[in-house]
Amino acid sequence: METYKVKSGLFMLSQKALEEFKILWSKEFGEEISDEFAMAEATQLLTIFDVIYHPIKKEWLEEYENGKNRQHSK
């Protein structure tokens, strides 16, 4: 497994994951890409997910549900 350093953290992609990414890219865009390009694009995608994905805390969900229920009961 190879390790690649990027600005937002450390991501490790196996050769299998890289090949799967290349297959998905080919199906989506109809073009073959190099390992280097695939690694760069996959790393950017992982970086985006790392920045934007945060699981919702149970407390937040409960607050939302309670607020939603109060609005419907008015």
Foldseek 3Di string as FASTA:
>chain_A
DDWDDDDQGIDDDDPVNLVVQQVVCCVVPVDGDDSVVSVVVVVVVVSVCVVPDDDDDPVNVVVVVVVVVVVVVD
